[in-house]
Amino acid sequence: VSLKSVSGIATVVEIAAYVAASVFNEGSTAFLTFMQDLGINSGPSAHEWARSSDFYRISKTDERAARETKEGRVLRRQEQKDVSDNLDDSNVLYGPGIGDEMHVFYLKIQIQIKIS
């Protein structure tokens, strides 16, 4: 408990800003550096966590950057167009020969029912 007249809020905010900037620039290994400077021993699982956390962060950033590139946008647009074209082609319920196609489809269904 601290007195209201003696506030350490500015110091806490300053430390938090340094920690945030270090983690942004250096990754999770900055936490290990802070722990070492404070005299806290860290085990192998802390180092493994820092390594995996940094790997995850970097891979997500790379994926996001790839999505935002021009090639990524073009590829996404093409995939959406392909899906749209497939939906349009599969839902054709009119046109020449549609009765024949439905008859063949109906026969295939009957054959599958008899086989199973």
N, C-alpha and C. Protein backbone atom coordinates (compact mmCIF):
# COMPACT_ATOMS: atom_id res chain seq x y z
N VAL A 1 0.86 -1.17 0.00
CA VAL A 1 0.00 0.00 0.00
C VAL A 1 0.90 1.23 0.00
N SER A 2 0.58 2.16 -0.86
CA SER A 2 1.38 3.39 -0.92
C SER A 2 0.49 4.60 -0.65
N LEU A 3 1.14 5.65 -0.21
CA LEU A 3 0.41 6.88 0.06
C LEU A 3 0.00 7.54 -1.25
N LYS A 4 -1.12 8.24 -1.21
CA LYS A 4 -1.58 8.92 -2.41
C LYS A 4 -0.69 10.10 -2.77
N SER A 5 -0.03 10.66 -1.78
CA SER A 5 0.83 11.81 -2.07
C SER A 5 2.13 11.38 -2.75
N VAL A 6 2.56 10.14 -2.54
CA VAL A 6 3.77 9.63 -3.17
C VAL A 6 3.33 8.62 -4.21
N SER A 7 3.38 9.02 -5.45
CA SER A 7 2.88 8.15 -6.51
C SER A 7 4.03 7.64 -7.36
N GLY A 8 3.99 6.37 -7.67
CA GLY A 8 5.00 5.78 -8.54
C GLY A 8 4.43 5.45 -9.90
N ILE A 9 3.28 6.02 -10.22
CA ILE A 9 2.61 5.68 -11.46
C ILE A 9 3.46 6.04 -12.67
N ALA A 10 4.10 7.20 -12.64
CA ALA A 10 4.92 7.62 -13.77
C ALA A 10 6.06 6.63 -14.00
N THR A 11 6.66 6.16 -12.92
CA THR A 11 7.76 5.20 -13.03
C THR A 11 7.26 3.88 -13.60
N VAL A 12 6.11 3.43 -13.13
CA VAL A 12 5.53 2.18 -13.61
C VAL A 12 5.21 2.29 -15.09
N VAL A 13 4.62 3.40 -15.50
CA VAL A 13 4.28 3.60 -16.91
C VAL A 13 5.55 3.64 -17.76
N GLU A 14 6.59 4.28 -17.25
CA GLU A 14 7.85 4.36 -17.99
C GLU A 14 8.46 2.97 -18.16
N ILE A 15 8.45 2.18 -17.10
CA ILE A 15 8.99 0.81 -17.19
C ILE A 15 8.15 -0.02 -18.17
N ALA A 16 6.83 0.11 -18.09
CA ALA A 16 5.96 -0.63 -19.00
C ALA A 16 6.21 -0.23 -20.45
N ALA A 17 6.47 1.05 -20.69
CA ALA A 17 6.76 1.50 -22.05
C ALA A 17 8.06 0.91 -22.55
N TYR A 18 9.08 0.85 -21.68
CA TYR A 18 10.36 0.24 -22.08
C TYR A 18 10.19 -1.24 -22.38
N VAL A 19 9.42 -1.92 -21.54
CA VAL A 19 9.18 -3.36 -21.76
C VAL A 19 8.44 -3.57 -23.08
N ALA A 20 7.40 -2.78 -23.32
CA ALA A 20 6.62 -2.94 -24.56
C ALA A 20 7.48 -2.66 -25.79
N ALA A 21 8.30 -1.62 -25.73
CA ALA A 21 9.16 -1.31 -26.87
C ALA A 21 10.19 -2.40 -27.10
N SER A 22 10.74 -2.94 -26.02
CA SER A 22 11.73 -4.01 -26.15
C SER A 22 11.12 -5.27 -26.72
N VAL A 23 9.95 -5.62 -26.26
CA VAL A 23 9.28 -6.83 -26.77
C VAL A 23 8.90 -6.63 -28.23
N PHE A 24 8.46 -5.43 -28.59
CA PHE A 24 8.12 -5.16 -29.98
C PHE A 24 9.35 -5.29 -30.88
N ASN A 25 10.47 -4.77 -30.43
CA ASN A 25 11.68 -4.78 -31.25
C ASN A 25 12.42 -6.11 -31.22
N GLU A 26 12.52 -6.72 -30.05
CA GLU A 26 13.36 -7.91 -29.89
C GLU A 26 12.58 -9.21 -29.76
N GLY A 27 11.32 -9.12 -29.49
CA GLY A 27 10.52 -10.32 -29.31
C GLY A 27 10.46 -10.75 -27.85
N SER A 28 10.03 -11.96 -27.64
CA SER A 28 9.82 -12.47 -26.28
C SER A 28 11.12 -12.70 -25.53
N THR A 29 12.23 -12.77 -26.22
CA THR A 29 13.51 -12.93 -25.52
C THR A 29 13.83 -11.71 -24.67
N ALA A 30 13.18 -10.58 -24.93
CA ALA A 30 13.37 -9.39 -24.10
C ALA A 30 12.91 -9.66 -22.67
N PHE A 31 11.85 -10.46 -22.51
CA PHE A 31 11.40 -10.83 -21.16
C PHE A 31 12.50 -11.58 -20.42
N LEU A 32 13.17 -12.48 -21.13
CA LEU A 32 14.24 -13.24 -20.50
C LEU A 32 15.39 -12.33 -20.09
N THR A 33 15.67 -11.33 -20.90
CA THR A 33 16.73 -10.37 -20.57
C THR A 33 16.35 -9.58 -19.32
N PHE A 34 15.10 -9.14 -19.24
CA PHE A 34 14.65 -8.42 -18.05
C PHE A 34 14.75 -9.30 -16.81
N MET A 35 14.34 -10.55 -16.96
CA MET A 35 14.41 -11.48 -15.82
C MET A 35 15.86 -11.68 -15.39
N GLN A 36 16.76 -11.80 -16.33
CA GLN A 36 18.17 -11.98 -16.01
C GLN A 36 18.72 -10.73 -15.31
N ASP A 37 18.34 -9.54 -15.78
CA ASP A 37 18.79 -8.30 -15.15
C ASP A 37 18.26 -8.16 -13.73
N LEU A 38 17.08 -8.72 -13.48
CA LEU A 38 16.50 -8.68 -12.14
C LEU A 38 17.02 -9.79 -11.24
N GLY A 39 17.82 -10.67 -11.80
CA GLY A 39 18.39 -11.76 -11.01
C GLY A 39 17.48 -12.96 -10.89
N ILE A 40 16.50 -13.07 -11.76
CA ILE A 40 15.57 -14.20 -11.75
C ILE A 40 16.11 -15.26 -12.70
N ASN A 41 16.28 -16.46 -12.19
CA ASN A 41 16.76 -17.56 -13.04
C ASN A 41 15.61 -18.11 -13.87
N SER A 42 15.87 -18.32 -15.14
CA SER A 42 14.85 -18.89 -16.01
C SER A 42 15.32 -20.24 -16.49
N GLY A 43 14.39 -21.16 -16.56
CA GLY A 43 14.72 -22.52 -16.97
C GLY A 43 14.58 -22.72 -18.46
N PRO A 44 14.79 -23.96 -18.90
CA PRO A 44 14.71 -24.25 -20.33
C PRO A 44 13.31 -24.05 -20.91
N SER A 45 12.28 -24.26 -20.10
CA SER A 45 10.93 -24.07 -20.64
C SER A 45 10.64 -22.60 -20.91
N ALA A 46 11.23 -21.69 -20.15
CA ALA A 46 11.06 -20.26 -20.43
C ALA A 46 11.71 -19.89 -21.76
N HIS A 47 12.88 -20.45 -22.00
CA HIS A 47 13.56 -20.19 -23.27
C HIS A 47 12.79 -20.81 -24.44
N GLU A 48 12.25 -22.00 -24.23
CA GLU A 48 11.45 -22.65 -25.28
C GLU A 48 10.19 -21.83 -25.57
N TRP A 49 9.55 -21.32 -24.50
CA TRP A 49 8.37 -20.48 -24.70
C TRP A 49 8.73 -19.23 -25.50
N ALA A 50 9.83 -18.58 -25.17
CA ALA A 50 10.24 -17.37 -25.89
C ALA A 50 10.51 -17.68 -27.36
N ARG A 51 11.17 -18.80 -27.62
CA ARG A 51 11.48 -19.17 -28.99
C ARG A 51 10.21 -19.46 -29.78
N SER A 52 9.31 -20.26 -29.19
CA SER A 52 8.07 -20.60 -29.91
C SER A 52 7.16 -19.39 -30.07
N SER A 53 7.13 -18.53 -29.07
CA SER A 53 6.32 -17.32 -29.16
C SER A 53 6.82 -16.40 -30.27
N ASP A 54 8.12 -16.25 -30.36
CA ASP A 54 8.70 -15.42 -31.43
C ASP A 54 8.45 -16.04 -32.79
N PHE A 55 8.59 -17.36 -32.89
CA PHE A 55 8.34 -18.03 -34.17
C PHE A 55 6.90 -17.84 -34.60
N TYR A 56 5.95 -17.99 -33.67
CA TYR A 56 4.53 -17.82 -33.98
C TYR A 56 4.26 -16.39 -34.43
N ARG A 57 4.81 -15.42 -33.72
CA ARG A 57 4.60 -14.00 -34.05
C ARG A 57 5.15 -13.67 -35.43
N ILE A 58 6.33 -14.17 -35.74
CA ILE A 58 6.95 -13.89 -37.04
C ILE A 58 6.18 -14.57 -38.16
N SER A 59 5.76 -15.82 -37.94
CA SER A 59 5.03 -16.53 -39.00
C SER A 59 3.68 -15.87 -39.27
N LYS A 60 3.00 -15.40 -38.24
CA LYS A 60 1.72 -14.70 -38.44
C LYS A 60 1.94 -13.39 -39.20
N THR A 61 3.01 -12.69 -38.89
CA THR A 61 3.32 -11.45 -39.59
C THR A 61 3.62 -11.71 -41.05
N ASP A 62 4.37 -12.78 -41.32
CA ASP A 62 4.67 -13.13 -42.71
C ASP A 62 3.41 -13.49 -43.49
N GLU A 63 2.50 -14.24 -42.85
CA GLU A 63 1.24 -14.60 -43.50
C GLU A 63 0.42 -13.36 -43.81
N ARG A 64 0.35 -12.45 -42.85
CA ARG A 64 -0.41 -11.22 -43.04
C ARG A 64 0.20 -10.38 -44.17
N ALA A 65 1.51 -10.32 -44.22
CA ALA A 65 2.17 -9.56 -45.28
C ALA A 65 1.91 -10.20 -46.65
N ALA A 66 1.92 -11.52 -46.69
CA ALA A 66 1.67 -12.21 -47.96
C ALA A 66 0.25 -11.98 -48.44
N ARG A 67 -0.70 -11.94 -47.52
CA ARG A 67 -2.09 -11.69 -47.90
C ARG A 67 -2.28 -10.29 -48.46
N GLU A 68 -1.49 -9.36 -47.98
CA GLU A 68 -1.65 -7.97 -48.39
C GLU A 68 -0.90 -7.62 -49.67
N THR A 69 -0.09 -8.52 -50.17
CA THR A 69 0.64 -8.22 -51.40
C THR A 69 -0.32 -8.26 -52.58
N LYS A 70 0.12 -7.70 -53.67
CA LYS A 70 -0.72 -7.66 -54.87
C LYS A 70 -1.02 -9.07 -55.36
N GLU A 71 -0.01 -9.95 -55.33
CA GLU A 71 -0.23 -11.32 -55.79
C GLU A 71 -1.27 -12.02 -54.92
N GLY A 72 -1.21 -11.78 -53.62
CA GLY A 72 -2.18 -12.38 -52.72
C GLY A 72 -3.59 -11.90 -52.99
N ARG A 73 -3.72 -10.61 -53.24
CA ARG A 73 -5.06 -10.07 -53.54
C ARG A 73 -5.59 -10.63 -54.85
N VAL A 74 -4.71 -10.72 -55.86
CA VAL A 74 -5.14 -11.27 -57.16
C VAL A 74 -5.55 -12.73 -57.00
N LEU A 75 -4.77 -13.49 -56.24
CA LEU A 75 -5.08 -14.91 -56.02
C LEU A 75 -6.41 -15.06 -55.29
N ARG A 76 -6.65 -14.25 -54.25
CA ARG A 76 -7.91 -14.30 -53.52
C ARG A 76 -9.09 -13.96 -54.43
N ARG A 77 -8.93 -12.92 -55.25
CA ARG A 77 -9.99 -12.55 -56.17
C ARG A 77 -10.29 -13.66 -57.16
N GLN A 78 -9.24 -14.32 -57.66
CA GLN A 78 -9.43 -15.42 -58.61
C GLN A 78 -10.14 -16.59 -57.94
N GLU A 79 -9.76 -16.90 -56.69
CA GLU A 79 -10.42 -18.00 -55.97
C GLU A 79 -11.90 -17.69 -55.76
N GLN A 80 -12.22 -16.45 -55.39
CA GLN A 80 -13.61 -16.06 -55.21
C GLN A 80 -14.38 -16.15 -56.52
N LYS A 81 -13.74 -15.77 -57.61
CA LYS A 81 -14.38 -15.85 -58.93
C LYS A 81 -14.63 -17.29 -59.31
N ASP A 82 -13.65 -18.18 -59.05
CA ASP A 82 -13.81 -19.60 -59.37
C ASP A 82 -14.97 -20.21 -58.59
N VAL A 83 -15.06 -19.88 -57.30
CA VAL A 83 -16.16 -20.40 -56.48
C VAL A 83 -17.49 -19.88 -57.01
N SER A 84 -17.53 -18.61 -57.34
CA SER A 84 -18.76 -18.02 -57.88
C SER A 84 -19.16 -18.67 -59.20
N ASP A 85 -18.17 -18.91 -60.07
CA ASP A 85 -18.46 -19.55 -61.35
C ASP A 85 -18.98 -20.97 -61.15
N ASN A 86 -18.39 -21.71 -60.20
CA ASN A 86 -18.85 -23.08 -59.93
C ASN A 86 -20.27 -23.08 -59.40
N LEU A 87 -20.59 -22.14 -58.54
CA LEU A 87 -21.96 -22.06 -58.02
C LEU A 87 -22.94 -21.73 -59.13
N ASP A 88 -22.56 -20.81 -60.00
CA ASP A 88 -23.44 -20.43 -61.10
C ASP A 88 -23.67 -21.60 -62.04
N ASP A 89 -22.62 -22.36 -62.36
CA ASP A 89 -22.74 -23.48 -63.29
C ASP A 89 -23.54 -24.63 -62.70
N SER A 90 -23.43 -24.86 -61.39
CA SER A 90 -24.09 -26.01 -60.79
C SER A 90 -25.58 -25.76 -60.53
N ASN A 91 -26.00 -24.51 -60.52
CA ASN A 91 -27.39 -24.19 -60.21
C ASN A 91 -28.21 -23.87 -61.45
N VAL A 92 -27.76 -24.29 -62.61
CA VAL A 92 -28.51 -24.03 -63.84
C VAL A 92 -29.72 -24.96 -63.85
N LEU A 93 -30.89 -24.38 -63.81
CA LEU A 93 -32.11 -25.19 -63.77
C LEU A 93 -32.95 -25.01 -65.03
N TYR A 94 -32.35 -24.43 -66.05
CA TYR A 94 -33.07 -24.24 -67.30
C TYR A 94 -32.07 -24.34 -68.44
N GLY A 95 -32.57 -24.58 -69.62
CA GLY A 95 -31.71 -24.65 -70.79
C GLY A 95 -31.95 -25.94 -71.55
N PRO A 96 -31.38 -26.03 -72.75
CA PRO A 96 -31.59 -27.23 -73.56
C PRO A 96 -30.90 -28.43 -72.93
N GLY A 97 -31.59 -29.55 -72.90
CA GLY A 97 -31.02 -30.79 -72.39
C GLY A 97 -31.07 -30.95 -70.89
N ILE A 98 -31.67 -30.01 -70.18
CA ILE A 98 -31.69 -30.12 -68.71
C ILE A 98 -32.51 -31.31 -68.26
N GLY A 99 -33.56 -31.64 -69.01
CA GLY A 99 -34.36 -32.81 -68.66
C GLY A 99 -33.57 -34.09 -68.79
N ASP A 100 -32.73 -34.19 -69.80
CA ASP A 100 -31.89 -35.38 -69.99
C ASP A 100 -30.91 -35.53 -68.84
N GLU A 101 -30.30 -34.42 -68.44
CA GLU A 101 -29.33 -34.47 -67.34
C GLU A 101 -30.01 -34.90 -66.05
N MET A 102 -31.21 -34.41 -65.79
CA MET A 102 -31.93 -34.78 -64.58
C MET A 102 -32.31 -36.26 -64.62
N HIS A 103 -32.65 -36.77 -65.80
CA HIS A 103 -33.00 -38.17 -65.93
C HIS A 103 -31.79 -39.05 -65.62
N VAL A 104 -30.63 -38.69 -66.15
CA VAL A 104 -29.40 -39.45 -65.88
C VAL A 104 -29.05 -39.38 -64.40
N PHE A 105 -29.19 -38.22 -63.79
CA PHE A 105 -28.92 -38.06 -62.37
C PHE A 105 -29.86 -38.93 -61.54
N TYR A 106 -31.14 -38.96 -61.90
CA TYR A 106 -32.12 -39.76 -61.19
C TYR A 106 -31.78 -41.24 -61.30
N LEU A 107 -31.36 -41.69 -62.48
CA LEU A 107 -30.98 -43.10 -62.67
C LEU A 107 -29.76 -43.46 -61.82
N LYS A 108 -28.79 -42.55 -61.74
CA LYS A 108 -27.59 -42.80 -60.93
C LYS A 108 -27.97 -42.95 -59.46
N ILE A 109 -28.88 -42.13 -59.00
CA ILE A 109 -29.34 -42.21 -57.60
C ILE A 109 -30.01 -43.55 -57.36
N GLN A 110 -30.87 -43.99 -58.27
CA GLN A 110 -31.56 -45.27 -58.11
C GLN A 110 -30.56 -46.43 -58.09
N ILE A 111 -29.56 -46.38 -58.94
CA ILE A 111 -28.55 -47.45 -58.98
C ILE A 111 -27.78 -47.48 -57.67
N GLN A 112 -27.41 -46.32 -57.13
CA GLN A 112 -26.67 -46.28 -55.87
C GLN A 112 -27.51 -46.82 -54.73
N ILE A 113 -28.81 -46.54 -54.74
CA ILE A 113 -29.70 -47.05 -53.69
C ILE A 113 -29.78 -48.57 -53.76
N LYS A 114 -29.90 -49.12 -54.98
CA LYS A 114 -30.00 -50.57 -55.13
C LYS A 114 -28.71 -51.27 -54.74
N ILE A 115 -27.56 -50.64 -55.01
CA ILE A 115 -26.27 -51.25 -54.67
C ILE A 115 -26.07 -51.28 -53.16
N SER A 116 -26.46 -50.23 -52.48
CA SER A 116 -26.23 -50.17 -51.04
C SER A 116 -27.38 -50.78 -50.31
